[in-house]
Protein backbone atom coordinates (compact mmCIF):
# COMPACT_ATOMS: atom_id res chain seq x y z
CA MET A 1 -120.18 -152.61 -107.24
CA LYS A 2 -120.22 -156.01 -105.86
CA PHE A 3 -117.69 -157.69 -103.73
CA ARG A 4 -116.22 -160.95 -105.15
CA TYR A 5 -113.75 -163.00 -103.42
CA GLY A 6 -112.26 -164.51 -106.78
CA ARG A 7 -111.51 -161.19 -108.26
CA ILE A 8 -109.71 -160.11 -104.90
CA TYR A 9 -107.48 -163.13 -105.04
CA LEU A 10 -106.46 -162.41 -108.49
CA LEU A 11 -105.74 -158.72 -107.73
CA GLY A 12 -103.59 -160.04 -104.94
CA PHE A 13 -101.17 -161.39 -107.29
CA GLY A 14 -100.00 -157.79 -107.82
CA PHE A 15 -99.21 -157.40 -104.12
CA PHE A 16 -97.73 -161.12 -104.18
CA GLY A 17 -95.21 -159.85 -106.99
CA VAL A 18 -94.33 -156.79 -104.94
CA SER A 19 -93.87 -158.75 -101.84
CA VAL A 20 -91.54 -161.15 -103.35
CA ILE A 21 -89.27 -158.54 -104.65
CA TRP A 22 -89.00 -156.85 -101.30
CA ALA A 23 -88.65 -159.81 -99.24
CA VAL A 24 -85.56 -161.04 -101.20
CA TYR A 25 -84.36 -157.42 -101.32
CA ASN A 26 -84.32 -156.88 -97.58
CA ALA A 27 -83.11 -160.35 -96.75
CA PHE A 28 -80.26 -160.44 -99.04
CA VAL A 29 -79.10 -156.94 -100.14
CA PRO A 30 -78.04 -155.92 -96.62
CA ILE A 31 -75.61 -159.11 -96.78
CA PHE A 32 -74.16 -157.94 -100.15
CA LEU A 33 -73.57 -154.32 -98.80
CA ALA A 34 -71.79 -155.73 -95.64
CA ASP A 35 -70.06 -158.69 -96.88
CA LYS A 36 -69.39 -157.92 -100.46
CA PHE A 37 -68.83 -154.18 -100.52
CA HIS A 38 -67.83 -153.92 -96.80
CA LEU A 39 -69.96 -150.90 -96.00
CA GLN A 40 -70.57 -149.73 -92.42
CA PRO A 41 -73.84 -150.37 -90.61
CA ALA A 42 -74.80 -146.73 -91.00
CA LEU A 43 -74.28 -146.81 -94.83
CA VAL A 44 -76.07 -150.20 -94.95
CA GLY A 45 -78.92 -148.48 -93.00
CA PHE A 46 -78.87 -145.53 -95.73
CA PHE A 47 -78.72 -147.70 -98.61
CA MET A 48 -81.69 -149.90 -97.47
CA ALA A 49 -83.59 -146.64 -97.03
CA LEU A 50 -83.28 -145.67 -100.63
CA ASN A 51 -86.15 -147.67 -101.64
CA ASN A 52 -88.30 -145.66 -99.29
CA ILE A 53 -86.65 -142.32 -100.56
CA ALA A 54 -87.61 -143.37 -104.04
CA ALA A 55 -91.19 -144.27 -103.02
CA LEU A 56 -91.79 -141.10 -100.96
CA PHE A 57 -91.17 -138.89 -104.04
CA ILE A 58 -92.85 -141.14 -106.63
CA GLU A 59 -95.63 -143.08 -105.08
CA PRO A 60 -97.93 -140.32 -103.53
CA PRO A 61 -97.90 -138.21 -106.75
CA VAL A 62 -98.39 -141.33 -108.90
CA GLY A 63 -101.48 -142.23 -106.73
CA ALA A 64 -103.09 -138.80 -107.45
CA TRP A 65 -101.91 -139.15 -111.23
CA SER A 66 -103.63 -142.42 -111.42
CA ASP A 67 -106.95 -140.82 -110.07
CA ARG A 68 -106.91 -138.34 -112.89
CA LEU A 69 -105.78 -140.77 -115.76
CA ARG A 70 -108.05 -142.00 -118.38
CA THR A 71 -106.87 -144.60 -120.95
CA PRO A 72 -108.39 -147.60 -122.83
CA LEU A 73 -106.50 -149.82 -120.34
CA GLY A 74 -108.05 -147.90 -117.29
CA ARG A 75 -106.37 -145.63 -114.87
CA ARG A 76 -104.20 -148.09 -112.95
CA MET A 77 -103.10 -150.55 -115.44
CA PRO A 78 -100.78 -148.61 -117.57
CA PHE A 79 -98.51 -148.14 -114.45
CA ILE A 80 -98.23 -151.76 -113.82
CA LEU A 81 -97.65 -152.47 -117.63
CA ILE A 82 -94.59 -150.29 -117.57
CA GLY A 83 -93.24 -150.50 -114.03
CA ALA A 84 -93.29 -154.26 -113.61
CA PRO A 85 -91.14 -155.44 -116.66
CA ILE A 86 -88.44 -152.86 -115.72
CA GLY A 87 -88.28 -153.75 -112.13
CA ALA A 88 -88.13 -157.45 -112.76
CA ILE A 89 -85.24 -157.11 -115.26
CA ALA A 90 -83.20 -154.56 -113.06
CA PHE A 91 -83.62 -157.09 -110.03
CA GLY A 92 -82.16 -159.82 -111.84
CA PHE A 93 -78.96 -158.14 -112.59
CA ILE A 94 -78.36 -157.00 -108.93
CA PRO A 95 -76.32 -159.97 -107.76
CA LEU A 96 -74.26 -159.96 -110.94
CA ALA A 97 -72.98 -156.55 -110.24
CA ALA A 98 -69.38 -156.83 -109.37
CA ALA A 99 -68.76 -153.12 -108.52
CA LEU A 100 -70.75 -150.93 -105.91
CA PRO A 101 -71.48 -148.34 -108.69
CA LEU A 102 -73.11 -150.87 -111.07
CA PHE A 103 -74.81 -152.45 -108.13
CA ALA A 104 -76.33 -149.15 -107.03
CA ALA A 105 -77.24 -148.36 -110.67
CA CYS A 106 -79.34 -151.65 -110.86
CA THR A 107 -80.80 -150.98 -107.38
CA VAL A 108 -82.15 -147.71 -108.22
CA THR A 109 -83.55 -148.67 -111.50
CA LEU A 110 -85.39 -151.22 -109.40
CA LEU A 111 -86.54 -148.99 -106.73
CA LEU A 112 -87.68 -146.20 -109.30
CA SER A 113 -89.87 -148.73 -111.19
CA MET A 114 -91.18 -150.60 -108.28
CA ALA A 115 -92.50 -147.05 -106.85
CA PHE A 116 -93.97 -146.42 -110.20
CA TRP A 117 -96.49 -149.30 -109.95
CA ARG A 118 -96.92 -150.13 -106.28
CA THR A 119 -99.75 -147.54 -105.58
CA PRO A 120 -101.74 -147.99 -108.67
CA VAL A 121 -101.93 -151.73 -108.06
CA ILE A 122 -103.00 -151.30 -104.34
CA ALA A 123 -105.46 -148.53 -105.24
CA LEU A 124 -107.17 -150.97 -107.39
CA MET A 125 -108.56 -152.83 -104.32
CA PRO A 126 -110.84 -149.82 -103.40
CA ASP A 127 -111.69 -149.34 -106.96
CA ILE A 128 -113.52 -152.81 -107.09
CA THR A 129 -114.41 -153.21 -103.24
CA PRO A 130 -117.30 -151.54 -101.46
CA SER A 131 -116.33 -149.88 -98.14
CA PRO A 132 -117.74 -152.53 -95.83
CA PHE A 133 -115.45 -155.26 -97.24
CA ARG A 134 -112.24 -153.36 -97.53
CA SER A 135 -110.73 -154.98 -94.55
CA GLN A 136 -111.61 -158.52 -95.71
CA ALA A 137 -110.24 -157.57 -99.08
CA ASN A 138 -107.03 -155.92 -97.80
CA ALA A 139 -106.70 -159.06 -95.67
CA ILE A 140 -106.93 -161.06 -99.03
CA ILE A 141 -104.38 -158.82 -100.73
CA ASN A 142 -102.05 -158.94 -97.84
CA LEU A 143 -102.46 -162.87 -97.47
CA MET A 144 -101.17 -163.04 -101.00
CA GLY A 145 -98.43 -160.63 -100.37
CA GLY A 146 -97.51 -162.71 -97.26
CA ILE A 147 -97.48 -166.01 -99.42
CA GLY A 148 -95.06 -164.16 -101.69
CA SER A 149 -92.82 -163.20 -98.71
CA ILE A 150 -92.83 -166.79 -97.45
CA LEU A 151 -92.04 -168.16 -100.68
CA ALA A 152 -89.29 -165.64 -100.99
CA PHE A 153 -87.66 -166.26 -97.58
CA LEU A 154 -87.71 -170.14 -97.54
CA GLY A 155 -87.09 -170.56 -101.30
CA GLY A 156 -84.57 -167.56 -101.24
CA SER A 157 -82.97 -169.30 -98.35
CA MET A 158 -82.44 -172.65 -100.21
CA LEU A 159 -81.48 -171.06 -103.41
CA TYR A 160 -79.05 -168.73 -101.78
CA ARG A 161 -77.25 -171.70 -100.61
CA MET A 162 -77.03 -172.85 -104.06
CA ASN A 163 -76.10 -169.61 -105.59
CA PRO A 164 -76.65 -166.04 -104.17
CA ALA A 165 -78.10 -165.01 -107.65
CA PHE A 166 -80.89 -167.52 -107.63
CA PRO A 167 -83.23 -165.77 -105.09
CA PHE A 168 -82.96 -162.57 -107.24
CA TRP A 169 -83.83 -164.46 -110.35
CA MET A 170 -86.63 -166.48 -108.79
CA ALA A 171 -88.30 -162.98 -107.68
CA SER A 172 -88.00 -161.58 -111.17
CA ILE A 173 -89.62 -164.42 -112.83
CA LEU A 174 -92.61 -164.41 -110.05
CA VAL A 175 -93.04 -160.70 -110.36
CA LEU A 176 -93.57 -160.84 -114.11
CA LEU A 177 -96.06 -163.76 -113.90
CA ALA A 178 -97.79 -161.86 -111.02
CA ALA A 179 -98.11 -158.69 -113.44
CA VAL A 180 -99.50 -160.68 -116.20
CA LEU A 181 -102.33 -162.31 -114.20
CA VAL A 182 -103.44 -158.73 -112.93
CA LEU A 183 -103.32 -157.43 -116.53
CA VAL A 184 -105.27 -160.29 -118.02
CA PHE A 185 -107.86 -161.05 -115.26
CA ILE A 186 -108.74 -157.75 -113.55
CA ARG A 187 -111.08 -155.30 -115.33
CA GLU A 188 -111.12 -151.76 -113.84
CA PRO A 189 -114.54 -150.14 -113.19
CA ARG A 190 -115.21 -147.28 -115.90
CA ASP A 191 -117.85 -145.51 -114.04
CA TYR A 192 -115.67 -143.04 -112.15
CA GLU A 193 -116.93 -140.90 -109.47
CA ARG A 194 -116.50 -137.36 -110.45
CA SER A 195 -115.45 -134.63 -108.17
CA ALA A 196 -115.56 -131.01 -108.26
CA GLU A 197 -111.81 -130.71 -108.11
CA LYS A 198 -109.06 -132.80 -109.66
CA PRO A 199 -107.55 -135.24 -107.05
CA ASP A 200 -104.24 -133.38 -105.85
CA LEU A 201 -101.77 -134.75 -103.44
CA PHE A 202 -100.67 -131.41 -101.65
CA ARG A 203 -104.21 -130.02 -101.47
CA SER A 204 -105.30 -133.31 -99.78
CA LEU A 205 -102.45 -132.94 -97.48
CA GLY A 206 -103.22 -129.54 -96.53
CA GLU A 207 -106.91 -130.50 -95.73
CA ILE A 208 -105.57 -133.27 -93.47
CA PHE A 209 -103.53 -130.76 -91.37
CA LYS A 210 -106.60 -128.30 -91.18
CA ASP A 211 -109.20 -130.75 -90.27
CA PRO A 212 -110.39 -129.64 -86.88
CA ASP A 213 -111.34 -133.50 -86.33
CA ARG A 214 -107.78 -134.70 -86.44
CA SER A 215 -108.68 -138.09 -87.05
CA ALA A 216 -106.65 -138.28 -90.30
CA LEU A 217 -103.58 -136.53 -89.09
CA SER A 218 -103.39 -138.82 -86.01
CA LEU A 219 -103.89 -142.02 -88.18
CA PHE A 220 -101.22 -140.91 -90.60
CA LEU A 221 -98.74 -140.07 -87.85
CA ALA A 222 -99.53 -143.42 -86.22
CA ILE A 223 -98.57 -145.02 -89.35
CA PHE A 224 -95.43 -143.10 -89.36
CA PHE A 225 -94.48 -144.33 -86.13
CA TRP A 226 -95.37 -147.98 -86.24
CA PHE A 227 -93.43 -148.29 -89.53
CA LEU A 228 -90.65 -146.44 -87.94
CA GLY A 229 -89.97 -149.52 -85.42
CA TYR A 230 -91.13 -152.49 -87.81
CA SER A 231 -89.35 -151.43 -91.10
CA ALA A 232 -85.87 -151.05 -89.45
CA ILE A 233 -86.33 -154.39 -87.90
CA GLU A 234 -87.15 -155.88 -91.12
CA ALA A 235 -84.15 -154.25 -92.90
CA PHE A 236 -81.68 -155.17 -90.24
CA PHE A 237 -82.92 -158.63 -89.08
CA THR A 238 -80.34 -160.73 -91.24
CA LEU A 239 -77.55 -158.84 -89.90
CA TYR A 240 -79.22 -158.75 -86.32
CA GLY A 241 -79.09 -162.73 -86.54
CA GLU A 242 -75.54 -162.81 -87.92
CA HIS A 243 -73.90 -160.58 -85.15
CA HIS A 244 -76.13 -160.93 -82.17
CA LEU A 245 -77.51 -164.44 -82.55
CA ASN A 246 -74.61 -165.98 -84.43
CA LEU A 247 -76.85 -167.22 -87.34
CA SER A 248 -76.01 -167.71 -90.81
CA PRO A 249 -77.73 -165.33 -93.39
CA ALA A 250 -79.75 -168.03 -94.62
CA ASP A 251 -81.02 -169.00 -91.15
CA GLY A 252 -81.81 -165.39 -90.55
CA SER A 253 -83.98 -165.28 -93.64
CA ARG A 254 -85.49 -168.49 -92.55
CA LEU A 255 -86.54 -166.73 -89.27
CA LEU A 256 -88.17 -163.92 -90.96
CA SER A 257 -90.36 -166.30 -92.83
CA HIS A 258 -91.98 -167.53 -89.56
CA LEU A 259 -93.03 -164.05 -88.92
CA SER A 260 -94.43 -163.66 -92.50
CA LEU A 261 -96.20 -167.10 -91.96
CA PHE A 262 -98.08 -165.80 -89.13
CA PHE A 263 -98.86 -162.69 -90.81
CA VAL A 264 -100.47 -164.66 -93.62
CA LEU A 265 -102.47 -166.97 -91.26
CA PHE A 266 -103.72 -164.03 -89.21
CA ALA A 267 -104.44 -161.87 -92.27
CA LEU A 268 -108.10 -163.00 -92.67
CA VAL A 269 -108.61 -163.19 -88.93
CA ALA A 270 -107.51 -159.57 -88.68
CA GLY A 271 -109.91 -158.58 -91.48
CA VAL A 272 -112.83 -160.35 -89.91
CA VAL A 273 -111.98 -159.06 -86.12
CA GLY A 274 -111.68 -155.54 -87.75
CA THR A 275 -115.10 -155.81 -89.42
CA ARG A 276 -116.57 -157.20 -86.17
CA ILE A 277 -115.20 -155.05 -83.13
CA GLY A 278 -113.78 -152.17 -85.31
CA ARG A 279 -110.72 -151.17 -87.09
CA ARG A 280 -109.44 -148.77 -84.49
CA LEU A 281 -109.67 -151.50 -81.61
CA THR A 282 -108.12 -153.90 -83.74
CA ILE A 283 -105.17 -151.96 -84.57
CA LEU A 284 -104.60 -150.71 -80.84
CA ILE A 285 -104.60 -154.57 -79.92
CA GLY A 286 -101.96 -155.12 -82.63
CA ILE A 287 -99.79 -152.17 -81.53
CA ALA A 288 -99.73 -153.26 -77.92
CA LEU A 289 -99.01 -156.76 -78.68
CA LEU A 290 -96.05 -155.87 -81.11
CA ALA A 291 -94.46 -153.62 -78.50
CA VAL A 292 -94.55 -156.24 -75.70
CA LEU A 293 -93.21 -158.95 -78.04
CA ILE A 294 -90.35 -156.87 -79.35
CA ALA A 295 -89.41 -155.83 -75.88
CA ALA A 296 -89.07 -159.49 -74.92
CA ILE A 297 -86.73 -160.10 -77.75
CA TYR A 298 -84.47 -157.25 -76.60
CA ILE A 299 -84.59 -158.60 -72.89
CA LEU A 300 -84.07 -162.30 -73.52
CA PRO A 301 -80.29 -163.28 -73.76
CA ALA A 302 -79.24 -164.66 -77.23
CA GLY A 303 -78.63 -168.11 -75.77
CA ILE A 304 -82.27 -168.51 -74.83
CA LEU A 305 -83.65 -166.82 -78.17
CA THR A 306 -81.56 -169.44 -80.14
CA ARG A 307 -82.54 -172.36 -77.87
CA VAL A 308 -84.19 -174.87 -80.32
CA LEU A 309 -87.65 -176.10 -79.07
CA PHE A 310 -88.66 -178.49 -81.77
CA SER A 311 -88.78 -179.02 -85.48
CA LEU A 312 -91.43 -178.66 -88.09
CA PRO A 313 -91.72 -179.79 -91.85
CA VAL A 314 -90.65 -177.13 -94.07
CA LEU A 315 -90.16 -174.43 -91.39
CA GLY A 316 -87.10 -176.38 -89.94
CA THR A 317 -85.96 -175.72 -86.34
CA ILE A 318 -88.20 -173.61 -84.03
CA PRO A 319 -86.12 -171.72 -81.50
CA VAL A 320 -87.62 -169.53 -78.73
CA ILE A 321 -87.20 -166.26 -81.16
CA SER A 322 -89.38 -168.03 -83.72
CA LEU A 323 -92.25 -168.27 -81.43
CA LEU A 324 -92.01 -164.48 -80.74
CA LEU A 325 -91.52 -163.57 -84.18
CA MET A 326 -94.75 -165.75 -84.97
CA ALA A 327 -96.59 -163.64 -82.57
CA CYS A 328 -95.21 -160.77 -84.03
CA GLY A 329 -96.55 -161.70 -87.40
CA ALA A 330 -100.11 -161.95 -85.85
CA GLY A 331 -99.74 -158.59 -84.11
CA TRP A 332 -98.67 -156.82 -87.33
CA ALA A 333 -101.63 -158.25 -89.34
CA PHE A 334 -104.02 -156.60 -86.84
CA ILE A 335 -102.32 -153.42 -87.54
CA ASN A 336 -101.52 -153.62 -91.27
CA ILE A 337 -104.80 -155.02 -92.51
CA ASN A 338 -106.82 -152.40 -91.02
CA SER A 339 -104.87 -149.35 -91.36
CA LEU A 340 -105.20 -148.91 -95.25
CA PRO A 341 -109.06 -149.27 -95.30
CA MET A 342 -109.23 -146.70 -92.28
CA ALA A 343 -107.38 -144.24 -94.44
CA LEU A 344 -109.30 -144.80 -97.71
CA ASP A 345 -112.67 -144.47 -95.71
CA LEU A 346 -111.41 -140.93 -94.69
CA THR A 347 -112.00 -139.82 -98.16
CA THR A 348 -114.25 -140.17 -101.25
CA GLN A 349 -114.05 -142.97 -104.09
CA ALA A 350 -112.59 -140.20 -106.35
CA ARG A 351 -109.39 -139.76 -104.22
CA VAL A 352 -108.67 -143.29 -103.33
CA GLY A 353 -105.51 -143.26 -105.29
CA THR A 354 -104.50 -139.98 -103.67
CA PHE A 355 -105.07 -141.12 -100.12
CA THR A 356 -103.42 -144.53 -101.08
CA GLY A 357 -100.52 -142.35 -102.10
CA LEU A 358 -100.74 -140.46 -98.70
CA TYR A 359 -100.68 -143.72 -96.89
CA TYR A 360 -97.24 -144.66 -98.56
CA LEU A 361 -95.96 -141.07 -98.24
CA PHE A 362 -96.10 -141.51 -94.27
CA SER A 363 -95.17 -145.15 -94.26
CA MET A 364 -92.24 -144.58 -96.73
CA LEU A 365 -91.06 -141.48 -95.01
CA SER A 366 -91.03 -143.52 -91.79
CA SER A 367 -89.11 -146.44 -93.49
CA ILE A 368 -86.61 -143.76 -94.69
CA VAL A 369 -85.92 -142.35 -91.17
CA GLY A 370 -86.18 -146.08 -89.42
CA PRO A 371 -83.21 -147.75 -90.88
CA ASN A 372 -80.93 -144.48 -90.83
CA ILE A 373 -81.87 -144.12 -87.03
CA ASN A 374 -81.17 -147.74 -86.32
CA GLY A 375 -78.07 -147.87 -88.56
CA LEU A 376 -76.65 -144.96 -86.53
CA ALA A 377 -77.79 -146.40 -83.17
CA VAL A 378 -76.00 -149.63 -84.02
CA GLN A 379 -72.92 -147.91 -85.09
CA LEU A 380 -72.76 -145.62 -81.99
CA SER A 381 -73.36 -148.64 -79.68
CA GLY A 382 -70.37 -150.32 -81.00
CA ASN A 383 -72.16 -152.45 -83.61
CA ASN A 384 -74.79 -153.74 -80.84
CA TYR A 385 -77.67 -154.87 -83.24
CA ASN A 386 -79.94 -155.56 -80.24
CA ILE A 387 -80.14 -152.00 -79.77
CA ILE A 388 -82.87 -152.08 -82.83
CA MET A 389 -85.19 -154.12 -80.49
CA LEU A 390 -84.91 -151.51 -77.75
CA LEU A 391 -85.96 -148.58 -80.00
CA ALA A 392 -88.93 -150.33 -81.86
CA PRO A 393 -91.32 -150.83 -78.82
CA LEU A 394 -90.84 -146.89 -77.93
CA PHE A 395 -91.93 -146.08 -81.29
CA MET A 396 -94.87 -148.38 -81.09
CA LEU A 397 -96.07 -146.94 -77.85
CA VAL A 398 -96.15 -143.52 -79.53
CA ALA A 399 -98.21 -145.01 -82.43
CA LEU A 400 -100.78 -146.45 -79.53
CA VAL A 401 -101.06 -142.75 -78.20
CA LEU A 402 -101.68 -141.36 -81.56
CA MET A 403 -104.44 -144.00 -82.39
CA LEU A 404 -106.39 -143.04 -79.34
CA GLY A 405 -107.09 -139.86 -81.17
CA VAL A 406 -108.57 -141.36 -84.24
CA HIS A 407 -112.41 -141.26 -84.23
CA ARG A 408 -113.04 -141.91 -88.03
CA GLY A 409 -112.19 -144.29 -90.82
CA GLU A 410 -114.50 -147.16 -89.72
CA ALA A 411 -116.37 -149.25 -92.47
CA GLN A 412 -119.10 -147.02 -94.25
CA PRO A 413 -122.61 -148.63 -95.42
CA ALA A 414 -122.26 -150.09 -98.90
């Protein structure tokens, strides 16, 4: 198995499509729920957690299923072929729904279909990448995902001003194009590694809890806690901008693009750093950086955070909070780029789909709990959206302590 950069970039279009959908979803669905359907913050938080509830029950078993599946198309491709078109169509109908039940029906269809193909498309990366190159490969895939997020935030912000439905239709078209590129240009390896036992999600989970080394358990719990802080900020940021910073939803989406931009810029850097100094140390640096930066956003007054420092082409005005978000993007790259390769190098090639599913089990469980905790905290604090920026650093500190107990998961010899 050889490492080819061009092939990884083509595979990255799969994550590009996933990222476009979720960027538009996280930026504008909370606005629909709060302004169009008049839901309270706690209900908005619950609704925004539904995508993670769907992912929790679907993605892990689908990952294990894709490890066992054998078809003429391969073991991952059938999931992409079915899930991507259904998700694209459902997403295009979301802004057209005039009643909340219809809106919920379109959303649930989207969530189920996206959960069906996300784990298989990510599991393709370790299928075609040797262990020593997985941080770089994950960096490229996340680079493509970050480009998708930036395009969604910036393009979506401009399109939203024209018509609230346009960002959704743009995302639907892009996800279809991305899926076609993956299906046409990526060929799965057919010399699958055989194992004595068929890959099984619950058996693998049980082994993690029984393992005396505790590295896998510590890593997955750390993943849970850092997503607990990050996912809640992502889900509530446009409402945070609207209510705490007095920004329009379009400007809140634009600020999120600044975080995504620096995630993209530092994705490849994070992969190289993880290879040079080790994945664990790189993740620890990222967690510490993110905790300090989010705490600074909480402490600084809204007037200082929104003070414009300068302007840049395409990005527009750059206030103080933009600089903090840009640094957050770099810190998040250090964490995100190296965590999945660590998880995959805790197991064998025959179970990479299963462990990809376990990665999403813990991250999605966290992403369910996070928006609900933060939505409830906002409501109990009298709609003080800044409370989110207080809770997130605390979760990051717990993740940092857990990462100190991780002793395996570095790159293996090719």
